[in-house]
Amino acid sequence: MTRTTVYFEPRLYRALKVKAATTDRRVSELVNEAVRLTLREDAIDLEAARRRAREPRIPFERVLADLKRNRLL
């Protein structure tokens, strides 16, 4: 493990301490889990963007016109 300093907004830190106490976990565990989940979501988003990069591009104006024509807007 590596130690670091993180500055939290006071209300956020209080909420984090309450969560740690009510779940019988350390603050560092909760922070590690939150960072891990965020990085996992980013990796999923990047993979989706990479896969979609090969899709044909549709101008926004055309999408908007299609939505209006189909009475979805």
PDB file of N, CA and C in Angstrom:
ATOM      1  N   MET A   1       0.836  -1.189   0.000  1.00  0.00           N
ATOM      2  CA  MET A   1       0.000   0.000   0.000  1.00  0.00           C
ATOM      3  C   MET A   1       0.873   1.242   0.000  1.00  0.00           C
ATOM      4  N   THR A   2       0.349   2.278  -0.622  1.00  0.00           N
ATOM      5  CA  THR A   2       1.025   3.566  -0.653  1.00  0.00           C
ATOM      6  C   THR A   2       0.181   4.580   0.095  1.00  0.00           C
ATOM      7  N   ARG A   3       0.837   5.381   0.891  1.00  0.00           N
ATOM      8  CA  ARG A   3       0.128   6.423   1.630  1.00  0.00           C
ATOM      9  C   ARG A   3       0.117   7.705   0.816  1.00  0.00           C
ATOM     10  N   THR A   4      -0.970   8.443   0.949  1.00  0.00           N
ATOM     11  CA  THR A   4      -1.074   9.738   0.288  1.00  0.00           C
ATOM     12  C   THR A   4      -1.996  10.627   1.104  1.00  0.00           C
ATOM     13  N   THR A   5      -2.029  11.882   0.773  1.00  0.00           N
ATOM     14  CA  THR A   5      -2.926  12.822   1.442  1.00  0.00           C
ATOM     15  C   THR A   5      -4.015  13.223   0.462  1.00  0.00           C
ATOM     16  N   VAL A   6      -5.250  13.126   0.912  1.00  0.00           N
ATOM     17  CA  VAL A   6      -6.392  13.526   0.107  1.00  0.00           C
ATOM     18  C   VAL A   6      -7.181  14.538   0.920  1.00  0.00           C
ATOM     19  N   TYR A   7      -7.564  15.633   0.288  1.00  0.00           N
ATOM     20  CA  TYR A   7      -8.355  16.662   0.967  1.00  0.00           C
ATOM     21  C   TYR A   7      -9.813  16.524   0.553  1.00  0.00           C
ATOM     22  N   PHE A   8     -10.676  16.305   1.545  1.00  0.00           N
ATOM     23  CA  PHE A   8     -12.110  16.177   1.306  1.00  0.00           C
ATOM     24  C   PHE A   8     -12.828  17.427   1.789  1.00  0.00           C
ATOM     25  N   GLU A   9     -13.938  17.730   1.141  1.00  0.00           N
ATOM     26  CA  GLU A   9     -14.825  18.761   1.666  1.00  0.00           C
ATOM     27  C   GLU A   9     -15.329  18.251   3.016  1.00  0.00           C
ATOM     28  N   PRO A  10     -15.498  19.126   3.992  1.00  0.00           N
ATOM     29  CA  PRO A  10     -15.886  18.687   5.335  1.00  0.00           C
ATOM     30  C   PRO A  10     -17.145  17.813   5.369  1.00  0.00           C
ATOM     31  N   ARG A  11     -18.170  18.194   4.636  1.00  0.00           N
ATOM     32  CA  ARG A  11     -19.417  17.412   4.659  1.00  0.00           C
ATOM     33  C   ARG A  11     -19.215  16.044   4.014  1.00  0.00           C
ATOM     34  N   LEU A  12     -18.422  15.998   2.975  1.00  0.00           N
ATOM     35  CA  LEU A  12     -18.135  14.731   2.310  1.00  0.00           C
ATOM     36  C   LEU A  12     -17.348  13.812   3.238  1.00  0.00           C
ATOM     37  N   TYR A  13     -16.377  14.379   3.949  1.00  0.00           N
ATOM     38  CA  TYR A  13     -15.586  13.574   4.873  1.00  0.00           C
ATOM     39  C   TYR A  13     -16.447  13.025   6.013  1.00  0.00           C
ATOM     40  N   ARG A  14     -17.346  13.859   6.529  1.00  0.00           N
ATOM     41  CA  ARG A  14     -18.246  13.379   7.586  1.00  0.00           C
ATOM     42  C   ARG A  14     -19.106  12.231   7.086  1.00  0.00           C
ATOM     43  N   ALA A  15     -19.642  12.366   5.888  1.00  0.00           N
ATOM     44  CA  ALA A  15     -20.465  11.294   5.304  1.00  0.00           C
ATOM     45  C   ALA A  15     -19.637  10.024   5.111  1.00  0.00           C
ATOM     46  N   LEU A  16     -18.402  10.199   4.685  1.00  0.00           N
ATOM     47  CA  LEU A  16     -17.514   9.051   4.498  1.00  0.00           C
ATOM     48  C   LEU A  16     -17.221   8.366   5.833  1.00  0.00           C
ATOM     49  N   LYS A  17     -16.979   9.146   6.878  1.00  0.00           N
ATOM     50  CA  LYS A  17     -16.733   8.574   8.213  1.00  0.00           C
ATOM     51  C   LYS A  17     -17.958   7.827   8.731  1.00  0.00           C
ATOM     52  N   VAL A  18     -19.142   8.389   8.506  1.00  0.00           N
ATOM     53  CA  VAL A  18     -20.374   7.714   8.930  1.00  0.00           C
ATOM     54  C   VAL A  18     -20.530   6.392   8.190  1.00  0.00           C
ATOM     55  N   LYS A  19     -20.298   6.416   6.879  1.00  0.00           N
ATOM     56  CA  LYS A  19     -20.413   5.184   6.083  1.00  0.00           C
ATOM     57  C   LYS A  19     -19.408   4.153   6.571  1.00  0.00           C
ATOM     58  N   ALA A  20     -18.198   4.583   6.843  1.00  0.00           N
ATOM     59  CA  ALA A  20     -17.176   3.655   7.329  1.00  0.00           C
ATOM     60  C   ALA A  20     -17.609   3.029   8.656  1.00  0.00           C
ATOM     61  N   ALA A  21     -18.129   3.847   9.531  1.00  0.00           N
ATOM     62  CA  ALA A  21     -18.553   3.344  10.842  1.00  0.00           C
ATOM     63  C   ALA A  21     -19.739   2.399  10.731  1.00  0.00           C
ATOM     64  N   THR A  22     -20.689   2.730   9.879  1.00  0.00           N
ATOM     65  CA  THR A  22     -21.901   1.896   9.784  1.00  0.00           C
ATOM     66  C   THR A  22     -21.677   0.622   8.988  1.00  0.00           C
ATOM     67  N   THR A  23     -20.603   0.574   8.202  1.00  0.00           N
ATOM     68  CA  THR A  23     -20.328  -0.642   7.417  1.00  0.00           C
ATOM     69  C   THR A  23     -19.138  -1.412   7.965  1.00  0.00           C
ATOM     70  N   ASP A  24     -18.592  -0.922   9.087  1.00  0.00           N
ATOM     71  CA  ASP A  24     -17.454  -1.570   9.736  1.00  0.00           C
ATOM     72  C   ASP A  24     -16.270  -1.711   8.769  1.00  0.00           C
ATOM     73  N   ARG A  25     -16.021  -0.635   8.020  1.00  0.00           N
ATOM     74  CA  ARG A  25     -14.897  -0.608   7.080  1.00  0.00           C
ATOM     75  C   ARG A  25     -14.065   0.629   7.348  1.00  0.00           C
ATOM     76  N   ARG A  26     -12.847   0.625   6.879  1.00  0.00           N
ATOM     77  CA  ARG A  26     -11.977   1.796   7.019  1.00  0.00           C
ATOM     78  C   ARG A  26     -12.278   2.786   5.895  1.00  0.00           C
ATOM     79  N   VAL A  27     -12.002   4.064   6.176  1.00  0.00           N
ATOM     80  CA  VAL A  27     -12.185   5.096   5.159  1.00  0.00           C
ATOM     81  C   VAL A  27     -11.350   4.752   3.935  1.00  0.00           C
ATOM     82  N   SER A  28     -10.129   4.287   4.143  1.00  0.00           N
ATOM     83  CA  SER A  28      -9.260   3.957   3.011  1.00  0.00           C
ATOM     84  C   SER A  28      -9.870   2.852   2.142  1.00  0.00           C
ATOM     85  N   GLU A  29     -10.564   1.896   2.746  1.00  0.00           N
ATOM     86  CA  GLU A  29     -11.227   0.851   1.957  1.00  0.00           C
ATOM     87  C   GLU A  29     -12.311   1.442   1.067  1.00  0.00           C
ATOM     88  N   LEU A  30     -13.097   2.353   1.639  1.00  0.00           N
ATOM     89  CA  LEU A  30     -14.169   2.978   0.863  1.00  0.00           C
ATOM     90  C   LEU A  30     -13.606   3.830  -0.274  1.00  0.00           C
ATOM     91  N   VAL A  31     -12.534   4.560  -0.001  1.00  0.00           N
ATOM     92  CA  VAL A  31     -11.920   5.392  -1.035  1.00  0.00           C
ATOM     93  C   VAL A  31     -11.327   4.515  -2.128  1.00  0.00           C
ATOM     94  N   ASN A  32     -10.609   3.458  -1.736  1.00  0.00           N
ATOM     95  CA  ASN A  32     -10.041   2.539  -2.730  1.00  0.00           C
ATOM     96  C   ASN A  32     -11.133   1.937  -3.612  1.00  0.00           C
ATOM     97  N   GLU A  33     -12.239   1.533  -3.007  1.00  0.00           N
ATOM     98  CA  GLU A  33     -13.338   0.951  -3.776  1.00  0.00           C
ATOM     99  C   GLU A  33     -13.927   1.973  -4.756  1.00  0.00           C
ATOM    100  N   ALA A  34     -14.115   3.195  -4.290  1.00  0.00           N
ATOM    101  CA  ALA A  34     -14.680   4.242  -5.156  1.00  0.00           C
ATOM    102  C   ALA A  34     -13.752   4.539  -6.331  1.00  0.00           C
ATOM    103  N   VAL A  35     -12.458   4.624  -6.074  1.00  0.00           N
ATOM    104  CA  VAL A  35     -11.497   4.893  -7.149  1.00  0.00           C
ATOM    105  C   VAL A  35     -11.463   3.716  -8.116  1.00  0.00           C
ATOM    106  N   ARG A  36     -11.446   2.505  -7.586  1.00  0.00           N
ATOM    107  CA  ARG A  36     -11.440   1.302  -8.427  1.00  0.00           C
ATOM    108  C   ARG A  36     -12.666   1.269  -9.346  1.00  0.00           C
ATOM    109  N   LEU A  37     -13.844   1.565  -8.797  1.00  0.00           N
ATOM    110  CA  LEU A  37     -15.066   1.570  -9.601  1.00  0.00           C
ATOM    111  C   LEU A  37     -15.025   2.648 -10.681  1.00  0.00           C
ATOM    112  N   THR A  38     -14.518   3.824 -10.327  1.00  0.00           N
ATOM    113  CA  THR A  38     -14.421   4.912 -11.297  1.00  0.00           C
ATOM    114  C   THR A  38     -13.470   4.551 -12.432  1.00  0.00           C
ATOM    115  N   LEU A  39     -12.331   3.971 -12.095  1.00  0.00           N
ATOM    116  CA  LEU A  39     -11.367   3.573 -13.129  1.00  0.00           C
ATOM    117  C   LEU A  39     -11.933   2.460 -14.006  1.00  0.00           C
ATOM    118  N   ARG A  40     -12.682   1.543 -13.406  1.00  0.00           N
ATOM    119  CA  ARG A  40     -13.314   0.476 -14.185  1.00  0.00           C
ATOM    120  C   ARG A  40     -14.339   1.059 -15.164  1.00  0.00           C
ATOM    121  N   GLU A  41     -15.146   2.010 -14.689  1.00  0.00           N
ATOM    122  CA  GLU A  41     -16.124   2.662 -15.574  1.00  0.00           C
ATOM    123  C   GLU A  41     -15.422   3.389 -16.711  1.00  0.00           C
ATOM    124  N   ASP A  42     -14.316   4.066 -16.400  1.00  0.00           N
ATOM    125  CA  ASP A  42     -13.552   4.762 -17.445  1.00  0.00           C
ATOM    126  C   ASP A  42     -13.027   3.771 -18.482  1.00  0.00           C
ATOM    127  N   ALA A  43     -12.518   2.639 -18.027  1.00  0.00           N
ATOM    128  CA  ALA A  43     -11.992   1.630 -18.951  1.00  0.00           C
ATOM    129  C   ALA A  43     -13.099   1.090 -19.850  1.00  0.00           C
ATOM    130  N   ILE A  44     -14.267   0.874 -19.283  1.00  0.00           N
ATOM    131  CA  ILE A  44     -15.412   0.398 -20.074  1.00  0.00           C
ATOM    132  C   ILE A  44     -15.808   1.444 -21.107  1.00  0.00           C
ATOM    133  N   ASP A  45     -15.858   2.716 -20.681  1.00  0.00           N
ATOM    134  CA  ASP A  45     -16.202   3.803 -21.608  1.00  0.00           C
ATOM    135  C   ASP A  45     -15.184   3.922 -22.737  1.00  0.00           C
ATOM    136  N   LEU A  46     -13.897   3.821 -22.405  1.00  0.00           N
ATOM    137  CA  LEU A  46     -12.858   3.911 -23.427  1.00  0.00           C
ATOM    138  C   LEU A  46     -12.953   2.760 -24.422  1.00  0.00           C
ATOM    139  N   GLU A  47     -13.237   1.565 -23.928  1.00  0.00           N
ATOM    140  CA  GLU A  47     -13.396   0.411 -24.823  1.00  0.00           C
ATOM    141  C   GLU A  47     -14.595   0.601 -25.740  1.00  0.00           C
ATOM    142  N   ALA A  48     -15.697   1.098 -25.194  1.00  0.00           N
ATOM    143  CA  ALA A  48     -16.891   1.347 -26.020  1.00  0.00           C
ATOM    144  C   ALA A  48     -16.589   2.401 -27.084  1.00  0.00           C
ATOM    145  N   ALA A  49     -15.878   3.441 -26.722  1.00  0.00           N
ATOM    146  CA  ALA A  49     -15.524   4.483 -27.685  1.00  0.00           C
ATOM    147  C   ALA A  49     -14.609   3.920 -28.768  1.00  0.00           C
ATOM    148  N   ARG A  50     -13.671   3.064 -28.362  1.00  0.00           N
ATOM    149  CA  ARG A  50     -12.774   2.453 -29.343  1.00  0.00           C
ATOM    150  C   ARG A  50     -13.552   1.602 -30.340  1.00  0.00           C
ATOM    151  N   ARG A  51     -14.507   0.812 -29.832  1.00  0.00           N
ATOM    152  CA  ARG A  51     -15.322  -0.039 -30.723  1.00  0.00           C
ATOM    153  C   ARG A  51     -16.196   0.810 -31.640  1.00  0.00           C
ATOM    154  N   ARG A  52     -16.733   1.892 -31.113  1.00  0.00           N
ATOM    155  CA  ARG A  52     -17.658   2.719 -31.902  1.00  0.00           C
ATOM    156  C   ARG A  52     -16.929   3.636 -32.880  1.00  0.00           C
ATOM    157  N   ALA A  53     -15.622   3.769 -32.742  1.00  0.00           N
ATOM    158  CA  ALA A  53     -14.863   4.661 -33.617  1.00  0.00           C
ATOM    159  C   ALA A  53     -14.987   4.244 -35.075  1.00  0.00           C
ATOM    160  N   ARG A  54     -15.259   2.966 -35.310  1.00  0.00           N
ATOM    161  CA  ARG A  54     -15.375   2.459 -36.684  1.00  0.00           C
ATOM    162  C   ARG A  54     -16.785   2.590 -37.248  1.00  0.00           C
ATOM    163  N   GLU A  55     -17.738   3.013 -36.418  1.00  0.00           N
ATOM    164  CA  GLU A  55     -19.115   3.160 -36.890  1.00  0.00           C
ATOM    165  C   GLU A  55     -19.225   4.382 -37.808  1.00  0.00           C
ATOM    166  N   PRO A  56     -20.157   4.328 -38.740  1.00  0.00           N
ATOM    167  CA  PRO A  56     -20.340   5.510 -39.593  1.00  0.00           C
ATOM    168  C   PRO A  56     -20.838   6.694 -38.758  1.00  0.00           C
ATOM    169  N   ARG A  57     -20.411   7.858 -39.154  1.00  0.00           N
ATOM    170  CA  ARG A  57     -20.822   9.079 -38.436  1.00  0.00           C
ATOM    171  C   ARG A  57     -22.085   9.642 -39.067  1.00  0.00           C
ATOM    172  N   ILE A  58     -22.995  10.096 -38.203  1.00  0.00           N
ATOM    173  CA  ILE A  58     -24.247  10.685 -38.662  1.00  0.00           C
ATOM    174  C   ILE A  58     -24.284  12.121 -38.146  1.00  0.00           C
ATOM    175  N   PRO A  59     -24.475  13.087 -39.029  1.00  0.00           N
ATOM    176  CA  PRO A  59     -24.530  14.484 -38.576  1.00  0.00           C
ATOM    177  C   PRO A  59     -25.682  14.700 -37.584  1.00  0.00           C
ATOM    178  N   PHE A  60     -25.434  15.525 -36.597  1.00  0.00           N
ATOM    179  CA  PHE A  60     -26.443  15.810 -35.581  1.00  0.00           C
ATOM    180  C   PHE A  60     -27.731  16.323 -36.204  1.00  0.00           C
ATOM    181  N   GLU A  61     -27.593  17.171 -37.217  1.00  0.00           N
ATOM    182  CA  GLU A  61     -28.778  17.734 -37.866  1.00  0.00           C
ATOM    183  C   GLU A  61     -29.674  16.627 -38.429  1.00  0.00           C
ATOM    184  N   ARG A  62     -29.058  15.583 -38.960  1.00  0.00           N
ATOM    185  CA  ARG A  62     -29.834  14.462 -39.502  1.00  0.00           C
ATOM    186  C   ARG A  62     -30.543  13.688 -38.393  1.00  0.00           C
ATOM    187  N   VAL A  63     -29.856  13.471 -37.302  1.00  0.00           N
ATOM    188  CA  VAL A  63     -30.472  12.783 -36.153  1.00  0.00           C
ATOM    189  C   VAL A  63     -31.645  13.602 -35.644  1.00  0.00           C
ATOM    190  N   LEU A  64     -31.445  14.897 -35.514  1.00  0.00           N
ATOM    191  CA  LEU A  64     -32.503  15.784 -35.042  1.00  0.00           C
ATOM    192  C   LEU A  64     -33.702  15.760 -35.990  1.00  0.00           C
ATOM    193  N   ALA A  65     -33.451  15.817 -37.288  1.00  0.00           N
ATOM    194  CA  ALA A  65     -34.532  15.769 -38.278  1.00  0.00           C
ATOM    195  C   ALA A  65     -35.284  14.446 -38.198  1.00  0.00           C
ATOM    196  N   ASP A  66     -34.561  13.342 -38.034  1.00  0.00           N
ATOM    197  CA  ASP A  66     -35.207  12.029 -37.910  1.00  0.00           C
ATOM    198  C   ASP A  66     -36.092  11.969 -36.668  1.00  0.00           C
ATOM    199  N   LEU A  67     -35.602  12.512 -35.554  1.00  0.00           N
ATOM    200  CA  LEU A  67     -36.406  12.516 -34.328  1.00  0.00           C
ATOM    201  C   LEU A  67     -37.682  13.338 -34.509  1.00  0.00           C
ATOM    202  N   LYS A  68     -37.561  14.484 -35.155  1.00  0.00           N
ATOM    203  CA  LYS A  68     -38.726  15.324 -35.395  1.00  0.00           C
ATOM    204  C   LYS A  68     -39.695  14.646 -36.343  1.00  0.00           C
ATOM    205  N   ARG A  69     -39.182  14.032 -37.389  1.00  0.00           N
ATOM    206  CA  ARG A  69     -40.025  13.355 -38.365  1.00  0.00           C
ATOM    207  C   ARG A  69     -40.798  12.203 -37.702  1.00  0.00           C
ATOM    208  N   ASN A  70     -40.182  11.533 -36.770  1.00  0.00           N
ATOM    209  CA  ASN A  70     -40.830  10.426 -36.065  1.00  0.00           C
ATOM    210  C   ASN A  70     -41.588  10.881 -34.834  1.00  0.00           C
ATOM    211  N   ARG A  71     -41.730  12.198 -34.690  1.00  0.00           N
ATOM    212  CA  ARG A  71     -42.461  12.820 -33.584  1.00  0.00           C
ATOM    213  C   ARG A  71     -41.947  12.382 -32.212  1.00  0.00           C
ATOM    214  N   LEU A  72     -40.639  12.210 -32.132  1.00  0.00           N
ATOM    215  CA  LEU A  72     -40.011  11.884 -30.860  1.00  0.00           C
ATOM    216  C   LEU A  72     -39.465  13.140 -30.187  1.00  0.00           C
ATOM    217  N   LEU A  73     -39.509  14.238 -30.929  1.00  0.00           N
ATOM    218  CA  LEU A  73     -39.112  15.545 -30.379  1.00  0.00           C
ATOM    219  C   LEU A  73     -40.189  16.559 -30.664  1.00  0.00           C
TER     220      LEU A  73
END
